[in-house]
N, C-alpha and C. Protein backbone atom coordinates (compact mmCIF):
# COMPACT_ATOMS: atom_id res chain seq x y z
N MET A 1 14.24 -0.52 90.16
CA MET A 1 13.52 0.38 91.02
C MET A 1 14.41 1.57 91.39
N LEU A 2 13.77 2.71 91.49
CA LEU A 2 14.48 3.93 91.87
C LEU A 2 14.41 4.11 93.38
N SER A 3 15.50 4.61 93.92
CA SER A 3 15.50 4.94 95.35
C SER A 3 14.67 6.22 95.52
N THR A 4 14.40 6.59 96.76
CA THR A 4 13.66 7.82 97.05
C THR A 4 14.33 9.02 96.47
N SER A 5 15.66 9.11 96.64
CA SER A 5 16.37 10.29 96.13
C SER A 5 16.39 10.30 94.58
N GLU A 6 16.49 9.12 93.97
CA GLU A 6 16.45 9.07 92.50
C GLU A 6 15.08 9.45 91.97
N THR A 7 14.04 8.99 92.63
CA THR A 7 12.68 9.36 92.25
C THR A 7 12.48 10.86 92.35
N ALA A 8 12.96 11.45 93.41
CA ALA A 8 12.85 12.89 93.56
C ALA A 8 13.60 13.63 92.44
N LEU A 9 14.77 13.11 92.11
CA LEU A 9 15.55 13.73 91.04
C LEU A 9 14.82 13.67 89.69
N VAL A 10 14.28 12.51 89.41
CA VAL A 10 13.58 12.33 88.12
C VAL A 10 12.31 13.16 88.05
N THR A 11 11.54 13.16 89.15
CA THR A 11 10.26 13.88 89.14
C THR A 11 10.39 15.37 89.31
N LYS A 12 11.46 15.84 89.86
CA LYS A 12 11.61 17.29 90.08
C LYS A 12 12.60 17.92 89.10
N GLN A 13 13.82 17.49 89.16
CA GLN A 13 14.87 18.15 88.36
C GLN A 13 14.71 17.86 86.87
N PHE A 14 14.54 16.60 86.50
CA PHE A 14 14.52 16.26 85.08
C PHE A 14 13.20 16.65 84.37
N THR A 15 12.17 16.93 85.13
CA THR A 15 10.91 17.34 84.49
C THR A 15 10.70 18.84 84.55
N SER A 16 11.68 19.55 85.08
CA SER A 16 11.60 21.00 85.16
C SER A 16 11.66 21.60 83.76
N PRO A 17 10.76 22.55 83.44
CA PRO A 17 10.83 23.18 82.13
C PRO A 17 12.02 24.15 82.01
N HIS A 18 12.76 24.35 83.09
CA HIS A 18 13.83 25.31 83.09
C HIS A 18 15.21 24.66 83.24
N LEU A 19 15.40 23.54 82.62
CA LEU A 19 16.68 22.86 82.64
C LEU A 19 17.62 23.59 81.66
N ALA A 20 18.58 24.33 82.22
CA ALA A 20 19.45 25.15 81.38
C ALA A 20 20.67 24.36 80.93
N ILE A 21 20.73 24.02 79.65
CA ILE A 21 21.89 23.32 79.13
C ILE A 21 22.59 24.19 78.08
N GLY A 22 21.94 25.23 77.63
CA GLY A 22 22.54 26.10 76.64
C GLY A 22 22.31 25.60 75.22
N PHE A 23 22.09 26.50 74.33
CA PHE A 23 21.84 26.15 72.93
C PHE A 23 23.10 25.76 72.18
N GLU A 24 24.24 26.06 72.73
CA GLU A 24 25.49 25.71 72.07
C GLU A 24 25.86 24.24 72.23
N VAL A 25 25.12 23.53 73.05
CA VAL A 25 25.39 22.11 73.29
C VAL A 25 24.32 21.25 72.58
N CYS A 26 24.79 20.32 71.78
CA CYS A 26 23.85 19.47 71.05
C CYS A 26 23.76 18.07 71.70
N VAL A 27 22.83 17.28 71.25
CA VAL A 27 22.60 15.97 71.85
C VAL A 27 23.84 15.08 71.81
N PRO A 28 24.55 14.99 70.67
CA PRO A 28 25.76 14.14 70.67
C PRO A 28 26.80 14.58 71.69
N GLU A 29 26.94 15.89 71.88
CA GLU A 29 27.89 16.40 72.90
C GLU A 29 27.44 16.05 74.32
N LEU A 30 26.14 16.18 74.57
CA LEU A 30 25.61 15.80 75.88
C LEU A 30 25.79 14.30 76.12
N PHE A 31 25.56 13.50 75.09
CA PHE A 31 25.74 12.09 75.15
C PHE A 31 27.20 11.73 75.50
N THR A 32 28.14 12.37 74.82
CA THR A 32 29.56 12.13 75.07
C THR A 32 29.94 12.52 76.48
N ARG A 33 29.46 13.67 76.91
CA ARG A 33 29.75 14.12 78.30
C ARG A 33 29.18 13.13 79.32
N THR A 34 27.99 12.62 79.07
CA THR A 34 27.39 11.67 79.99
C THR A 34 28.21 10.37 80.02
N ALA A 35 28.62 9.90 78.85
CA ALA A 35 29.43 8.68 78.76
C ALA A 35 30.74 8.82 79.50
N GLN A 36 31.32 10.04 79.46
CA GLN A 36 32.58 10.27 80.17
C GLN A 36 32.36 10.39 81.65
N ALA A 37 31.23 10.97 82.05
CA ALA A 37 30.95 11.22 83.47
C ALA A 37 30.52 9.92 84.20
N VAL A 38 29.74 9.11 83.57
CA VAL A 38 29.19 7.91 84.21
C VAL A 38 29.32 6.69 83.27
N PRO A 39 30.53 6.31 82.90
CA PRO A 39 30.73 5.27 81.89
C PRO A 39 30.15 3.90 82.24
N ASP A 40 30.10 3.59 83.53
CA ASP A 40 29.63 2.26 83.95
C ASP A 40 28.15 2.21 84.27
N THR A 41 27.45 3.31 84.10
CA THR A 41 26.01 3.36 84.37
C THR A 41 25.28 2.74 83.18
N THR A 42 24.19 2.02 83.48
CA THR A 42 23.40 1.43 82.42
C THR A 42 22.73 2.48 81.57
N ALA A 43 22.95 2.41 80.27
CA ALA A 43 22.35 3.34 79.31
C ALA A 43 21.18 2.70 78.57
N VAL A 44 21.30 1.41 78.28
CA VAL A 44 20.28 0.69 77.54
C VAL A 44 20.00 -0.64 78.24
N GLU A 45 18.73 -0.89 78.43
CA GLU A 45 18.30 -2.17 79.00
C GLU A 45 17.19 -2.70 78.09
N PHE A 46 17.40 -3.88 77.56
CA PHE A 46 16.46 -4.47 76.61
C PHE A 46 16.42 -5.98 76.87
N GLY A 47 15.41 -6.45 77.56
CA GLY A 47 15.38 -7.85 77.97
C GLY A 47 16.55 -8.14 78.89
N ASP A 48 17.36 -9.10 78.54
CA ASP A 48 18.55 -9.45 79.31
C ASP A 48 19.76 -8.65 78.95
N LEU A 49 19.65 -7.83 77.93
CA LEU A 49 20.79 -7.04 77.44
C LEU A 49 20.93 -5.73 78.24
N LEU A 50 22.16 -5.50 78.70
CA LEU A 50 22.49 -4.23 79.38
C LEU A 50 23.71 -3.63 78.71
N TRP A 51 23.59 -2.37 78.28
CA TRP A 51 24.75 -1.65 77.74
C TRP A 51 25.01 -0.47 78.65
N THR A 52 26.28 -0.32 79.01
CA THR A 52 26.69 0.85 79.77
C THR A 52 26.80 2.06 78.81
N TYR A 53 26.92 3.24 79.40
CA TYR A 53 27.15 4.42 78.54
C TYR A 53 28.46 4.27 77.78
N GLU A 54 29.47 3.70 78.41
CA GLU A 54 30.74 3.50 77.70
C GLU A 54 30.57 2.57 76.52
N ASN A 55 29.82 1.47 76.69
CA ASN A 55 29.59 0.53 75.62
C ASN A 55 28.79 1.16 74.49
N LEU A 56 27.74 1.86 74.84
CA LEU A 56 26.90 2.55 73.84
C LEU A 56 27.71 3.61 73.09
N HIS A 57 28.50 4.38 73.83
CA HIS A 57 29.30 5.40 73.17
C HIS A 57 30.35 4.80 72.26
N THR A 58 30.96 3.72 72.66
CA THR A 58 31.96 3.04 71.81
C THR A 58 31.32 2.58 70.50
N ARG A 59 30.17 1.95 70.61
CA ARG A 59 29.44 1.47 69.41
C ARG A 59 29.09 2.63 68.51
N SER A 60 28.58 3.70 69.11
CA SER A 60 28.16 4.89 68.37
C SER A 60 29.35 5.58 67.70
N ALA A 61 30.43 5.72 68.44
CA ALA A 61 31.65 6.37 67.93
C ALA A 61 32.25 5.55 66.79
N ASN A 62 32.21 4.23 66.88
CA ASN A 62 32.71 3.36 65.81
C ASN A 62 31.92 3.59 64.53
N LEU A 63 30.61 3.68 64.65
CA LEU A 63 29.76 3.93 63.48
C LEU A 63 30.07 5.31 62.91
N ALA A 64 30.17 6.31 63.77
CA ALA A 64 30.48 7.66 63.31
C ALA A 64 31.82 7.69 62.56
N HIS A 65 32.79 6.98 63.07
CA HIS A 65 34.10 6.91 62.41
C HIS A 65 33.97 6.27 61.01
N ARG A 66 33.21 5.18 60.89
CA ARG A 66 33.01 4.53 59.62
C ARG A 66 32.29 5.46 58.63
N LEU A 67 31.31 6.20 59.12
CA LEU A 67 30.59 7.14 58.27
C LEU A 67 31.52 8.25 57.76
N LEU A 68 32.35 8.75 58.60
CA LEU A 68 33.29 9.81 58.20
C LEU A 68 34.30 9.27 57.19
N LEU A 69 34.75 8.04 57.38
CA LEU A 69 35.67 7.42 56.42
C LEU A 69 35.03 7.26 55.04
N GLN A 70 33.71 7.12 55.02
CA GLN A 70 33.00 6.98 53.75
C GLN A 70 32.71 8.34 53.12
N GLY A 71 33.16 9.39 53.74
CA GLY A 71 33.00 10.72 53.14
C GLY A 71 31.72 11.43 53.56
N ILE A 72 31.06 10.93 54.59
CA ILE A 72 29.85 11.61 55.06
C ILE A 72 30.26 12.95 55.64
N LYS A 73 29.59 13.98 55.21
CA LYS A 73 29.87 15.36 55.66
C LYS A 73 28.81 15.82 56.65
N ARG A 74 29.09 16.94 57.27
CA ARG A 74 28.15 17.55 58.21
C ARG A 74 26.80 17.79 57.54
N GLU A 75 25.75 17.38 58.24
CA GLU A 75 24.36 17.53 57.81
C GLU A 75 23.98 16.67 56.60
N THR A 76 24.81 15.73 56.21
CA THR A 76 24.42 14.80 55.15
C THR A 76 23.25 13.97 55.65
N PRO A 77 22.15 13.90 54.88
CA PRO A 77 21.02 13.11 55.35
C PRO A 77 21.29 11.60 55.22
N ILE A 78 21.14 10.91 56.34
CA ILE A 78 21.34 9.47 56.40
C ILE A 78 20.01 8.82 56.76
N GLY A 79 19.55 7.93 55.92
CA GLY A 79 18.31 7.20 56.21
C GLY A 79 18.54 6.07 57.18
N LEU A 80 17.62 5.92 58.12
CA LEU A 80 17.69 4.82 59.08
C LEU A 80 16.41 3.99 58.96
N ILE A 81 16.56 2.79 58.40
CA ILE A 81 15.46 1.86 58.30
C ILE A 81 15.82 0.72 59.27
N ILE A 82 15.45 0.91 60.52
CA ILE A 82 15.90 0.00 61.57
C ILE A 82 14.74 -0.32 62.49
N ASP A 83 14.61 -1.61 62.82
CA ASP A 83 13.61 -2.01 63.80
C ASP A 83 13.99 -1.41 65.14
N ARG A 84 13.05 -1.38 66.05
CA ARG A 84 13.30 -0.81 67.38
C ARG A 84 14.00 -1.85 68.26
N VAL A 85 15.32 -1.82 68.18
CA VAL A 85 16.18 -2.70 68.96
C VAL A 85 17.30 -1.85 69.53
N PRO A 86 18.11 -2.38 70.44
CA PRO A 86 19.18 -1.57 71.05
C PRO A 86 20.14 -0.95 70.02
N SER A 87 20.43 -1.65 68.95
CA SER A 87 21.35 -1.09 67.95
C SER A 87 20.80 0.16 67.31
N THR A 88 19.49 0.35 67.36
CA THR A 88 18.87 1.55 66.83
C THR A 88 19.40 2.79 67.56
N ILE A 89 19.55 2.69 68.88
CA ILE A 89 20.05 3.82 69.67
C ILE A 89 21.48 4.13 69.26
N ALA A 90 22.30 3.09 69.13
CA ALA A 90 23.67 3.31 68.71
C ALA A 90 23.74 3.91 67.30
N ALA A 91 22.85 3.53 66.42
CA ALA A 91 22.81 4.09 65.07
C ALA A 91 22.45 5.55 65.10
N TYR A 92 21.41 5.92 65.86
CA TYR A 92 21.01 7.32 65.96
C TYR A 92 22.17 8.15 66.53
N MET A 93 22.78 7.67 67.58
CA MET A 93 23.85 8.43 68.21
C MET A 93 25.09 8.49 67.30
N GLY A 94 25.36 7.41 66.60
CA GLY A 94 26.52 7.38 65.69
C GLY A 94 26.36 8.39 64.55
N VAL A 95 25.17 8.44 63.98
CA VAL A 95 24.91 9.43 62.91
C VAL A 95 25.06 10.83 63.47
N GLY A 96 24.54 11.05 64.67
CA GLY A 96 24.66 12.38 65.32
C GLY A 96 26.10 12.72 65.63
N LEU A 97 26.86 11.78 66.11
CA LEU A 97 28.29 12.04 66.40
C LEU A 97 29.07 12.37 65.14
N ALA A 98 28.64 11.81 64.00
CA ALA A 98 29.29 12.12 62.73
C ALA A 98 28.88 13.48 62.19
N GLY A 99 27.88 14.08 62.80
CA GLY A 99 27.41 15.41 62.36
C GLY A 99 26.39 15.34 61.25
N ALA A 100 25.97 14.14 60.88
CA ALA A 100 25.03 13.99 59.81
C ALA A 100 23.60 14.16 60.32
N SER A 101 22.66 14.23 59.38
CA SER A 101 21.24 14.38 59.72
C SER A 101 20.57 13.01 59.67
N ILE A 102 19.69 12.78 60.62
CA ILE A 102 18.99 11.50 60.71
C ILE A 102 17.63 11.65 60.03
N VAL A 103 17.35 10.69 59.12
CA VAL A 103 16.05 10.62 58.49
C VAL A 103 15.46 9.26 58.83
N PRO A 104 14.62 9.19 59.89
CA PRO A 104 14.04 7.89 60.26
C PRO A 104 13.00 7.44 59.24
N ILE A 105 13.09 6.20 58.83
CA ILE A 105 12.16 5.63 57.87
C ILE A 105 11.62 4.34 58.45
N ASP A 106 10.31 4.29 58.58
CA ASP A 106 9.67 3.10 59.15
C ASP A 106 9.79 1.94 58.13
N PRO A 107 10.33 0.80 58.56
CA PRO A 107 10.47 -0.34 57.65
C PRO A 107 9.12 -0.85 57.13
N ALA A 108 8.02 -0.48 57.82
CA ALA A 108 6.72 -0.93 57.40
C ALA A 108 6.11 -0.05 56.30
N PHE A 109 6.77 1.07 55.98
CA PHE A 109 6.28 1.95 54.90
C PHE A 109 6.28 1.19 53.57
N PRO A 110 5.32 1.53 52.72
CA PRO A 110 5.36 0.97 51.35
C PRO A 110 6.63 1.42 50.61
N SER A 111 7.10 0.60 49.69
CA SER A 111 8.36 0.89 49.01
C SER A 111 8.30 2.23 48.25
N ASP A 112 7.12 2.59 47.70
CA ASP A 112 7.05 3.86 46.97
C ASP A 112 7.19 5.06 47.93
N ARG A 113 6.70 4.90 49.15
CA ARG A 113 6.86 5.97 50.15
C ARG A 113 8.31 6.10 50.56
N ILE A 114 8.98 4.97 50.77
CA ILE A 114 10.41 5.00 51.11
C ILE A 114 11.21 5.65 49.96
N ARG A 115 10.91 5.25 48.74
CA ARG A 115 11.61 5.82 47.58
C ARG A 115 11.42 7.34 47.52
N TYR A 116 10.18 7.79 47.76
CA TYR A 116 9.91 9.24 47.77
C TYR A 116 10.74 9.95 48.85
N MET A 117 10.78 9.40 50.06
CA MET A 117 11.55 9.99 51.14
C MET A 117 13.02 10.07 50.81
N VAL A 118 13.54 9.00 50.24
CA VAL A 118 14.96 8.97 49.86
C VAL A 118 15.27 10.06 48.85
N ASP A 119 14.42 10.15 47.84
CA ASP A 119 14.62 11.16 46.78
C ASP A 119 14.41 12.57 47.32
N ASP A 120 13.33 12.79 48.04
CA ASP A 120 12.98 14.12 48.54
C ASP A 120 14.01 14.65 49.53
N CYS A 121 14.56 13.80 50.36
CA CYS A 121 15.52 14.22 51.36
C CYS A 121 16.97 14.23 50.85
N GLY A 122 17.19 13.67 49.69
CA GLY A 122 18.54 13.59 49.15
C GLY A 122 19.41 12.58 49.89
N ILE A 123 18.80 11.53 50.36
CA ILE A 123 19.52 10.51 51.11
C ILE A 123 20.46 9.77 50.18
N ARG A 124 21.72 9.66 50.60
CA ARG A 124 22.76 8.97 49.81
C ARG A 124 23.20 7.65 50.45
N LEU A 125 22.82 7.49 51.74
CA LEU A 125 23.21 6.29 52.47
C LEU A 125 22.06 5.91 53.39
N ILE A 126 21.76 4.63 53.43
CA ILE A 126 20.71 4.11 54.32
C ILE A 126 21.34 3.04 55.22
N LEU A 127 21.14 3.17 56.53
CA LEU A 127 21.54 2.16 57.48
C LEU A 127 20.35 1.30 57.84
N THR A 128 20.55 0.00 57.91
CA THR A 128 19.50 -0.92 58.25
C THR A 128 20.07 -2.07 59.07
N ASN A 129 19.18 -2.88 59.66
CA ASN A 129 19.68 -4.02 60.43
C ASN A 129 19.25 -5.31 59.82
C-alpha cells in the first residue's frame, strides 16, 4: 500500500506529461542511476520474490558483461524469447546496458514466424529461459 504522500507523488508527478529527463539520458542510464540512488528499494515483486534495485542491477550488469565478452556490439539485435517472469526484466535491462537492441519474440509464435523475425532483424543471438 502507498502512503498518502506516495500516492500524491505517483498520481501527480509521475503522470505529468512534462517530466523533463532530457533526451541525452537513455533507459539503461536512468536504471543505473536509480539503482545507485535507492539500492535497497524493491524493484521487482513477483509472488514471494522480491528483488531490490541493487539485485536487479547486478543481475542485469552481469548479463551485459557476458554479452560484451561474446562480442556483442552497440545496437546488435538480440532476440528475447522469454516467458513473463522476473528474469525477463533483468534480461531486458542487461541487453540495454550492453547497448544492444532488444527484439522481443513471443514464445507462442509459430516457428516460421520466429524464423522470419530472426532473419529479418539480423538476430545473431537469442536469449531464452
